[in-house]
């Protein structure tokens, strides 16, 4: 029993000591293309979520309702594409 406690204490000590050397990697902002269109209030929704993304500081949010922005040469510069619309065609 004492040996188990000792092993656990040794393991926890190692974890705590090692965590000092762990640092978050510095990454670029996550680029999000926000596609809206049709009947839903996508502009209003965009305006309500932008402050949340800015507060986080890790996101770059771009609004569009142009279908040509979904072409491969343009879309490849984004990490995420969000769609907000009533479905079907934009």
PDB file of N, CA and C in Angstrom:
ATOM      1  N   UNK A   1       0.824  -1.193   0.000  1.00  0.00           N
ATOM      2  CA  UNK A   1       0.000   0.000   0.000  1.00  0.00           C
ATOM      3  C   UNK A   1       0.871   1.261   0.000  1.00  0.00           C
ATOM      4  N   UNK A   2       1.907   1.257   0.815  1.00  0.00           N
ATOM      5  CA  UNK A   2       2.794   2.413   0.890  1.00  0.00           C
ATOM      6  C   UNK A   2       3.522   2.593  -0.436  1.00  0.00           C
ATOM      7  N   UNK A   3       3.906   1.470  -1.058  1.00  0.00           N
ATOM      8  CA  UNK A   3       4.605   1.544  -2.340  1.00  0.00           C
ATOM      9  C   UNK A   3       3.704   2.150  -3.421  1.00  0.00           C
ATOM     10  N   UNK A   4       2.411   1.810  -3.428  1.00  0.00           N
ATOM     11  CA  UNK A   4       1.471   2.400  -4.391  1.00  0.00           C
ATOM     12  C   UNK A   4       1.355   3.901  -4.203  1.00  0.00           C
ATOM     13  N   UNK A   5       1.253   4.328  -2.958  1.00  0.00           N
ATOM     14  CA  UNK A   5       1.162   5.767  -2.678  1.00  0.00           C
ATOM     15  C   UNK A   5       2.436   6.476  -3.127  1.00  0.00           C
ATOM     16  N   UNK A   6       3.566   5.818  -2.893  1.00  0.00           N
ATOM     17  CA  UNK A   6       4.837   6.401  -3.309  1.00  0.00           C
ATOM     18  C   UNK A   6       4.900   6.542  -4.833  1.00  0.00           C
ATOM     19  N   UNK A   7       4.463   5.489  -5.559  1.00  0.00           N
ATOM     20  CA  UNK A   7       4.460   5.557  -7.025  1.00  0.00           C
ATOM     21  C   UNK A   7       3.531   6.662  -7.515  1.00  0.00           C
ATOM     22  N   UNK A   8       2.366   6.779  -6.896  1.00  0.00           N
ATOM     23  CA  UNK A   8       1.417   7.822  -7.283  1.00  0.00           C
ATOM     24  C   UNK A   8       2.000   9.203  -7.011  1.00  0.00           C
ATOM     25  N   UNK A   9       2.613   9.377  -5.859  1.00  0.00           N
ATOM     26  CA  UNK A   9       3.237  10.654  -5.520  1.00  0.00           C
ATOM     27  C   UNK A   9       4.371  10.977  -6.485  1.00  0.00           C
ATOM     28  N   UNK A  10       5.150   9.988  -6.831  1.00  0.00           N
ATOM     29  CA  UNK A  10       6.242  10.178  -7.784  1.00  0.00           C
ATOM     30  C   UNK A  10       5.702  10.580  -9.156  1.00  0.00           C
ATOM     31  N   UNK A  11       4.648   9.903  -9.593  1.00  0.00           N
ATOM     32  CA  UNK A  11       4.032  10.218 -10.881  1.00  0.00           C
ATOM     33  C   UNK A  11       3.460  11.636 -10.889  1.00  0.00           C
ATOM     34  N   UNK A  12       2.729  12.015  -9.857  1.00  0.00           N
ATOM     35  CA  UNK A  12       2.153  13.362  -9.778  1.00  0.00           C
ATOM     36  C   UNK A  12       3.237  14.427  -9.727  1.00  0.00           C
ATOM     37  N   UNK A  13       4.304  14.146  -8.994  1.00  0.00           N
ATOM     38  CA  UNK A  13       5.428  15.095  -8.940  1.00  0.00           C
ATOM     39  C   UNK A  13       6.042  15.292 -10.320  1.00  0.00           C
ATOM     40  N   UNK A  14       6.195  14.193 -11.048  1.00  0.00           N
ATOM     41  CA  UNK A  14       6.728  14.273 -12.405  1.00  0.00           C
ATOM     42  C   UNK A  14       5.815  15.116 -13.295  1.00  0.00           C
ATOM     43  N   UNK A  15       4.498  14.895 -13.204  1.00  0.00           N
ATOM     44  CA  UNK A  15       3.539  15.652 -14.027  1.00  0.00           C
ATOM     45  C   UNK A  15       3.591  17.140 -13.714  1.00  0.00           C
ATOM     46  N   UNK A  16       3.632  17.466 -12.440  1.00  0.00           N
ATOM     47  CA  UNK A  16       3.672  18.874 -12.042  1.00  0.00           C
ATOM     48  C   UNK A  16       4.976  19.511 -12.498  1.00  0.00           C
ATOM     49  N   UNK A  17       6.092  18.821 -12.306  1.00  0.00           N
ATOM     50  CA  UNK A  17       7.385  19.353 -12.719  1.00  0.00           C
ATOM     51  C   UNK A  17       7.446  19.529 -14.235  1.00  0.00           C
ATOM     52  N   UNK A  18       6.931  18.547 -14.969  1.00  0.00           N
ATOM     53  CA  UNK A  18       6.972  18.600 -16.432  1.00  0.00           C
ATOM     54  C   UNK A  18       6.068  19.681 -17.000  1.00  0.00           C
ATOM     55  N   UNK A  19       4.977  19.977 -16.323  1.00  0.00           N
ATOM     56  CA  UNK A  19       4.038  20.970 -16.852  1.00  0.00           C
ATOM     57  C   UNK A  19       4.655  22.360 -16.926  1.00  0.00           C
ATOM     58  N   UNK A  20       5.707  22.591 -16.169  1.00  0.00           N
ATOM     59  CA  UNK A  20       6.393  23.880 -16.225  1.00  0.00           C
ATOM     60  C   UNK A  20       7.006  24.123 -17.607  1.00  0.00           C
ATOM     61  N   UNK A  21       7.400  23.064 -18.283  1.00  0.00           N
ATOM     62  CA  UNK A  21       8.062  23.180 -19.570  1.00  0.00           C
ATOM     63  C   UNK A  21       7.102  23.157 -20.754  1.00  0.00           C
ATOM     64  N   UNK A  22       5.846  22.880 -20.504  1.00  0.00           N
ATOM     65  CA  UNK A  22       4.852  22.812 -21.577  1.00  0.00           C
ATOM     66  C   UNK A  22       4.325  24.211 -21.847  1.00  0.00           C
ATOM     67  N   UNK A  23       4.359  24.614 -23.104  1.00  0.00           N
ATOM     68  CA  UNK A  23       3.864  25.938 -23.489  1.00  0.00           C
ATOM     69  C   UNK A  23       2.912  25.777 -24.653  1.00  0.00           C
ATOM     70  N   UNK A  24       1.919  26.637 -24.699  1.00  0.00           N
ATOM     71  CA  UNK A  24       0.969  26.606 -25.816  1.00  0.00           C
ATOM     72  C   UNK A  24       1.684  27.030 -27.085  1.00  0.00           C
ATOM     73  N   UNK A  25       1.350  26.374 -28.183  1.00  0.00           N
ATOM     74  CA  UNK A  25       1.947  26.795 -29.443  1.00  0.00           C
ATOM     75  C   UNK A  25       1.249  28.063 -29.915  1.00  0.00           C
ATOM     76  N   UNK A  26       2.013  28.928 -30.499  1.00  0.00           N
ATOM     77  CA  UNK A  26       1.460  30.179 -31.003  1.00  0.00           C
ATOM     78  C   UNK A  26       1.036  29.942 -32.441  1.00  0.00           C
ATOM     79  N   UNK A  27      -0.225  30.134 -32.684  1.00  0.00           N
ATOM     80  CA  UNK A  27      -0.758  29.872 -34.008  1.00  0.00           C
ATOM     81  C   UNK A  27      -1.389  31.138 -34.561  1.00  0.00           C
ATOM     82  N   UNK A  28      -1.599  31.112 -35.845  1.00  0.00           N
ATOM     83  CA  UNK A  28      -2.293  32.226 -36.469  1.00  0.00           C
ATOM     84  C   UNK A  28      -3.772  32.135 -36.129  1.00  0.00           C
ATOM     85  N   UNK A  29      -4.472  33.217 -36.386  1.00  0.00           N
ATOM     86  CA  UNK A  29      -5.912  33.199 -36.148  1.00  0.00           C
ATOM     87  C   UNK A  29      -6.581  32.182 -37.067  1.00  0.00           C
ATOM     88  N   UNK A  30      -7.656  31.591 -36.593  1.00  0.00           N
ATOM     89  CA  UNK A  30      -8.437  30.655 -37.392  1.00  0.00           C
ATOM     90  C   UNK A  30      -9.294  31.472 -38.343  1.00  0.00           C
ATOM     91  N   UNK A  31      -9.125  31.238 -39.633  1.00  0.00           N
ATOM     92  CA  UNK A  31      -9.828  32.019 -40.648  1.00  0.00           C
ATOM     93  C   UNK A  31     -11.158  31.361 -40.980  1.00  0.00           C
ATOM     94  N   UNK A  32     -12.240  32.124 -40.799  1.00  0.00           N
ATOM     95  CA  UNK A  32     -13.588  31.602 -41.007  1.00  0.00           C
ATOM     96  C   UNK A  32     -14.278  32.395 -42.107  1.00  0.00           C
ATOM     97  N   UNK A  33     -14.792  31.687 -43.095  1.00  0.00           N
ATOM     98  CA  UNK A  33     -15.638  32.294 -44.125  1.00  0.00           C
ATOM     99  C   UNK A  33     -17.078  32.045 -43.712  1.00  0.00           C
ATOM    100  N   UNK A  34     -17.813  33.103 -43.478  1.00  0.00           N
ATOM    101  CA  UNK A  34     -19.205  33.018 -43.037  1.00  0.00           C
ATOM    102  C   UNK A  34     -20.097  33.315 -44.234  1.00  0.00           C
ATOM    103  N   UNK A  35     -20.759  32.282 -44.736  1.00  0.00           N
ATOM    104  CA  UNK A  35     -21.633  32.421 -45.902  1.00  0.00           C
ATOM    105  C   UNK A  35     -23.078  32.563 -45.444  1.00  0.00           C
ATOM    106  N   UNK A  36     -23.725  33.631 -45.882  1.00  0.00           N
ATOM    107  CA  UNK A  36     -25.129  33.847 -45.537  1.00  0.00           C
ATOM    108  C   UNK A  36     -25.934  34.079 -46.791  1.00  0.00           C
ATOM    109  N   UNK A  37     -27.235  33.986 -46.650  1.00  0.00           N
ATOM    110  CA  UNK A  37     -28.069  34.238 -47.814  1.00  0.00           C
ATOM    111  C   UNK A  37     -29.515  33.864 -47.600  1.00  0.00           C
ATOM    112  N   UNK A  38     -30.285  34.143 -48.600  1.00  0.00           N
ATOM    113  CA  UNK A  38     -31.715  33.863 -48.661  1.00  0.00           C
ATOM    114  C   UNK A  38     -32.485  34.580 -47.563  1.00  0.00           C
ATOM    115  N   UNK A  39     -33.435  33.898 -46.937  1.00  0.00           N
ATOM    116  CA  UNK A  39     -34.417  34.585 -46.110  1.00  0.00           C
ATOM    117  C   UNK A  39     -34.039  34.787 -44.645  1.00  0.00           C
ATOM    118  N   UNK A  40     -33.138  33.994 -44.111  1.00  0.00           N
ATOM    119  CA  UNK A  40     -32.793  34.151 -42.698  1.00  0.00           C
ATOM    120  C   UNK A  40     -32.042  35.459 -42.473  1.00  0.00           C
ATOM    121  N   UNK A  41     -32.073  35.939 -41.235  1.00  0.00           N
ATOM    122  CA  UNK A  41     -31.381  37.179 -40.874  1.00  0.00           C
ATOM    123  C   UNK A  41     -29.897  36.893 -40.649  1.00  0.00           C
ATOM    124  N   UNK A  42     -29.204  36.537 -41.726  1.00  0.00           N
ATOM    125  CA  UNK A  42     -27.795  36.189 -41.594  1.00  0.00           C
ATOM    126  C   UNK A  42     -26.935  37.399 -41.252  1.00  0.00           C
ATOM    127  N   UNK A  43     -27.331  38.593 -41.697  1.00  0.00           N
ATOM    128  CA  UNK A  43     -26.557  39.793 -41.336  1.00  0.00           C
ATOM    129  C   UNK A  43     -26.686  40.078 -39.846  1.00  0.00           C
ATOM    130  N   UNK A  44     -27.902  39.961 -39.321  1.00  0.00           N
ATOM    131  CA  UNK A  44     -28.110  40.171 -37.885  1.00  0.00           C
ATOM    132  C   UNK A  44     -27.378  39.139 -37.049  1.00  0.00           C
ATOM    133  N   UNK A  45     -27.404  37.896 -37.518  1.00  0.00           N
ATOM    134  CA  UNK A  45     -26.696  36.830 -36.813  1.00  0.00           C
ATOM    135  C   UNK A  45     -25.194  37.086 -36.851  1.00  0.00           C
ATOM    136  N   UNK A  46     -24.698  37.506 -37.993  1.00  0.00           N
ATOM    137  CA  UNK A  46     -23.274  37.833 -38.133  1.00  0.00           C
ATOM    138  C   UNK A  46     -22.885  38.921 -37.134  1.00  0.00           C
ATOM    139  N   UNK A  47     -23.715  39.976 -37.053  1.00  0.00           N
ATOM    140  CA  UNK A  47     -23.418  41.083 -36.139  1.00  0.00           C
ATOM    141  C   UNK A  47     -23.470  40.651 -34.679  1.00  0.00           C
ATOM    142  N   UNK A  48     -24.246  39.629 -34.383  1.00  0.00           N
ATOM    143  CA  UNK A  48     -24.319  39.167 -32.995  1.00  0.00           C
ATOM    144  C   UNK A  48     -23.159  38.241 -32.626  1.00  0.00           C
ATOM    145  N   UNK A  49     -22.592  37.532 -33.594  1.00  0.00           N
ATOM    146  CA  UNK A  49     -21.498  36.612 -33.249  1.00  0.00           C
ATOM    147  C   UNK A  49     -20.117  37.240 -33.387  1.00  0.00           C
ATOM    148  N   UNK A  50     -19.996  38.305 -34.175  1.00  0.00           N
ATOM    149  CA  UNK A  50     -18.685  38.942 -34.357  1.00  0.00           C
ATOM    150  C   UNK A  50     -18.068  39.370 -33.027  1.00  0.00           C
ATOM    151  N   UNK A  51     -18.817  40.031 -32.129  1.00  0.00           N
ATOM    152  CA  UNK A  51     -18.198  40.408 -30.852  1.00  0.00           C
ATOM    153  C   UNK A  51     -17.673  39.205 -30.061  1.00  0.00           C
ATOM    154  N   UNK A  52     -18.359  38.072 -30.162  1.00  0.00           N
ATOM    155  CA  UNK A  52     -17.909  36.876 -29.448  1.00  0.00           C
ATOM    156  C   UNK A  52     -16.591  36.355 -30.028  1.00  0.00           C
ATOM    157  N   UNK A  53     -16.489  36.349 -31.345  1.00  0.00           N
ATOM    158  CA  UNK A  53     -15.251  35.905 -31.983  1.00  0.00           C
ATOM    159  C   UNK A  53     -14.111  36.881 -31.695  1.00  0.00           C
ATOM    160  N   UNK A  54     -14.408  38.180 -31.710  1.00  0.00           N
ATOM    161  CA  UNK A  54     -13.368  39.173 -31.425  1.00  0.00           C
ATOM    162  C   UNK A  54     -12.897  39.077 -29.986  1.00  0.00           C
ATOM    163  N   UNK A  55     -13.826  38.811 -29.074  1.00  0.00           N
ATOM    164  CA  UNK A  55     -13.472  38.682 -27.665  1.00  0.00           C
ATOM    165  C   UNK A  55     -12.493  37.523 -27.465  1.00  0.00           C
ATOM    166  N   UNK A  56     -12.700  36.448 -28.198  1.00  0.00           N
ATOM    167  CA  UNK A  56     -11.803  35.297 -28.108  1.00  0.00           C
ATOM    168  C   UNK A  56     -10.409  35.646 -28.620  1.00  0.00           C
ATOM    169  N   UNK A  57     -10.353  36.441 -29.684  1.00  0.00           N
ATOM    170  CA  UNK A  57      -9.078  36.871 -30.229  1.00  0.00           C
ATOM    171  C   UNK A  57      -8.371  35.866 -31.124  1.00  0.00           C
ATOM    172  N   UNK A  58      -8.952  34.693 -31.312  1.00  0.00           N
ATOM    173  CA  UNK A  58      -8.292  33.649 -32.099  1.00  0.00           C
ATOM    174  C   UNK A  58      -8.901  33.458 -33.475  1.00  0.00           C
ATOM    175  N   UNK A  59      -9.845  34.314 -33.852  1.00  0.00           N
ATOM    176  CA  UNK A  59     -10.588  34.094 -35.085  1.00  0.00           C
ATOM    177  C   UNK A  59     -10.581  35.332 -35.974  1.00  0.00           C
ATOM    178  N   UNK A  60     -10.558  35.087 -37.278  1.00  0.00           N
ATOM    179  CA  UNK A  60     -10.707  36.130 -38.285  1.00  0.00           C
ATOM    180  C   UNK A  60     -11.938  35.743 -39.098  1.00  0.00           C
ATOM    181  N   UNK A  61     -13.029  36.493 -38.940  1.00  0.00           N
ATOM    182  CA  UNK A  61     -14.316  36.145 -39.530  1.00  0.00           C
ATOM    183  C   UNK A  61     -14.617  37.059 -40.712  1.00  0.00           C
ATOM    184  N   UNK A  62     -14.881  36.458 -41.881  1.00  0.00           N
ATOM    185  CA  UNK A  62     -15.188  37.203 -43.102  1.00  0.00           C
ATOM    186  C   UNK A  62     -16.596  36.836 -43.556  1.00  0.00           C
ATOM    187  N   UNK A  63     -17.421  37.843 -43.803  1.00  0.00           N
ATOM    188  CA  UNK A  63     -18.801  37.652 -44.240  1.00  0.00           C
ATOM    189  C   UNK A  63     -18.894  37.710 -45.758  1.00  0.00           C
ATOM    190  N   UNK A  64     -19.684  36.803 -46.338  1.00  0.00           N
ATOM    191  CA  UNK A  64     -19.915  36.823 -47.779  1.00  0.00           C
ATOM    192  C   UNK A  64     -21.261  36.190 -48.090  1.00  0.00           C
ATOM    193  N   UNK A  65     -21.863  36.634 -49.187  1.00  0.00           N
ATOM    194  CA  UNK A  65     -23.057  35.963 -49.707  1.00  0.00           C
ATOM    195  C   UNK A  65     -22.906  35.718 -51.207  1.00  0.00           C
ATOM    196  N   UNK A  66     -21.653  35.742 -51.673  1.00  0.00           N
ATOM    197  CA  UNK A  66     -21.359  35.531 -53.092  1.00  0.00           C
ATOM    198  C   UNK A  66     -20.946  34.081 -53.331  1.00  0.00           C
ATOM    199  N   UNK A  67     -21.625  33.429 -54.247  1.00  0.00           N
ATOM    200  CA  UNK A  67     -21.305  32.033 -54.545  1.00  0.00           C
ATOM    201  C   UNK A  67     -19.894  31.856 -55.089  1.00  0.00           C
ATOM    202  N   UNK A  68     -19.374  32.848 -55.786  1.00  0.00           N
ATOM    203  CA  UNK A  68     -18.014  32.715 -56.332  1.00  0.00           C
ATOM    204  C   UNK A  68     -16.965  32.620 -55.225  1.00  0.00           C
ATOM    205  N   UNK A  69     -17.314  33.040 -53.999  1.00  0.00           N
ATOM    206  CA  UNK A  69     -16.379  32.912 -52.881  1.00  0.00           C
ATOM    207  C   UNK A  69     -16.214  31.463 -52.420  1.00  0.00           C
ATOM    208  N   UNK A  70     -17.031  30.564 -52.958  1.00  0.00           N
ATOM    209  CA  UNK A  70     -16.910  29.143 -52.625  1.00  0.00           C
ATOM    210  C   UNK A  70     -16.050  28.375 -53.625  1.00  0.00           C
ATOM    211  N   UNK A  71     -15.479  29.073 -54.592  1.00  0.00           N
ATOM    212  CA  UNK A  71     -14.580  28.422 -55.551  1.00  0.00           C
ATOM    213  C   UNK A  71     -13.274  28.038 -54.856  1.00  0.00           C
ATOM    214  N   UNK A  72     -12.667  26.980 -55.357  1.00  0.00           N
ATOM    215  CA  UNK A  72     -11.480  26.398 -54.717  1.00  0.00           C
ATOM    216  C   UNK A  72     -10.359  27.405 -54.501  1.00  0.00           C
ATOM    217  N   UNK A  73     -10.095  28.252 -55.476  1.00  0.00           N
ATOM    218  CA  UNK A  73      -8.969  29.185 -55.334  1.00  0.00           C
ATOM    219  C   UNK A  73      -9.195  30.207 -54.221  1.00  0.00           C
ATOM    220  N   UNK A  74     -10.439  30.488 -53.894  1.00  0.00           N
ATOM    221  CA  UNK A  74     -10.745  31.444 -52.830  1.00  0.00           C
ATOM    222  C   UNK A  74     -10.926  30.742 -51.486  1.00  0.00           C
ATOM    223  N   UNK A  75     -11.629  29.628 -51.507  1.00  0.00           N
ATOM    224  CA  UNK A  75     -11.992  28.949 -50.258  1.00  0.00           C
ATOM    225  C   UNK A  75     -10.790  28.308 -49.565  1.00  0.00           C
ATOM    226  N   UNK A  76      -9.732  28.012 -50.308  1.00  0.00           N
ATOM    227  CA  UNK A  76      -8.577  27.333 -49.710  1.00  0.00           C
ATOM    228  C   UNK A  76      -7.833  28.195 -48.691  1.00  0.00           C
ATOM    229  N   UNK A  77      -8.108  29.489 -48.665  1.00  0.00           N
ATOM    230  CA  UNK A  77      -7.435  30.352 -47.696  1.00  0.00           C
ATOM    231  C   UNK A  77      -8.111  30.351 -46.323  1.00  0.00           C
ATOM    232  N   UNK A  78      -9.217  29.612 -46.186  1.00  0.00           N
ATOM    233  CA  UNK A  78      -9.952  29.558 -44.925  1.00  0.00           C
ATOM    234  C   UNK A  78      -9.786  28.205 -44.249  1.00  0.00           C
ATOM    235  N   UNK A  79      -9.887  28.224 -42.926  1.00  0.00           N
ATOM    236  CA  UNK A  79      -9.834  26.997 -42.143  1.00  0.00           C
ATOM    237  C   UNK A  79     -11.228  26.405 -41.943  1.00  0.00           C
ATOM    238  N   UNK A  80     -12.237  27.280 -41.889  1.00  0.00           N
ATOM    239  CA  UNK A  80     -13.611  26.869 -41.607  1.00  0.00           C
ATOM    240  C   UNK A  80     -14.557  27.654 -42.501  1.00  0.00           C
ATOM    241  N   UNK A  81     -15.632  26.999 -42.950  1.00  0.00           N
ATOM    242  CA  UNK A  81     -16.700  27.686 -43.679  1.00  0.00           C
ATOM    243  C   UNK A  81     -17.996  27.450 -42.908  1.00  0.00           C
ATOM    244  N   UNK A  82     -18.652  28.548 -42.509  1.00  0.00           N
ATOM    245  CA  UNK A  82     -19.947  28.471 -41.833  1.00  0.00           C
ATOM    246  C   UNK A  82     -21.026  28.881 -42.818  1.00  0.00           C
ATOM    247  N   UNK A  83     -22.112  28.128 -42.855  1.00  0.00           N
ATOM    248  CA  UNK A  83     -23.254  28.465 -43.703  1.00  0.00           C
ATOM    249  C   UNK A  83     -24.426  28.834 -42.807  1.00  0.00           C
ATOM    250  N   UNK A  84     -25.083  29.948 -43.124  1.00  0.00           N
ATOM    251  CA  UNK A  84     -26.300  30.321 -42.414  1.00  0.00           C
ATOM    252  C   UNK A  84     -27.304  30.780 -43.450  1.00  0.00           C
ATOM    253  N   UNK A  85     -28.303  29.986 -43.670  1.00  0.00           N
ATOM    254  CA  UNK A  85     -29.324  30.301 -44.661  1.00  0.00           C
ATOM    255  C   UNK A  85     -30.485  29.347 -44.507  1.00  0.00           C
ATOM    256  N   UNK A  86     -31.424  29.465 -45.400  1.00  0.00           N
ATOM    257  CA  UNK A  86     -32.616  28.628 -45.285  1.00  0.00           C
ATOM    258  C   UNK A  86     -32.479  27.318 -46.049  1.00  0.00           C
ATOM    259  N   UNK A  87     -31.279  26.975 -46.436  1.00  0.00           N
ATOM    260  CA  UNK A  87     -31.042  25.722 -47.144  1.00  0.00           C
ATOM    261  C   UNK A  87     -31.221  25.898 -48.638  1.00  0.00           C
ATOM    262  N   UNK A  88     -30.976  24.833 -49.359  1.00  0.00           N
ATOM    263  CA  UNK A  88     -31.110  24.919 -50.811  1.00  0.00           C
ATOM    264  C   UNK A  88     -30.037  25.798 -51.405  1.00  0.00           C
ATOM    265  N   UNK A  89     -30.405  26.502 -52.453  1.00  0.00           N
ATOM    266  CA  UNK A  89     -29.415  27.368 -53.098  1.00  0.00           C
ATOM    267  C   UNK A  89     -29.360  28.720 -52.396  1.00  0.00           C
ATOM    268  N   UNK A  90     -28.222  29.332 -52.449  1.00  0.00           N
ATOM    269  CA  UNK A  90     -28.042  30.633 -51.822  1.00  0.00           C
ATOM    270  C   UNK A  90     -28.423  31.704 -52.823  1.00  0.00           C
TER     271      UNK A  90
END
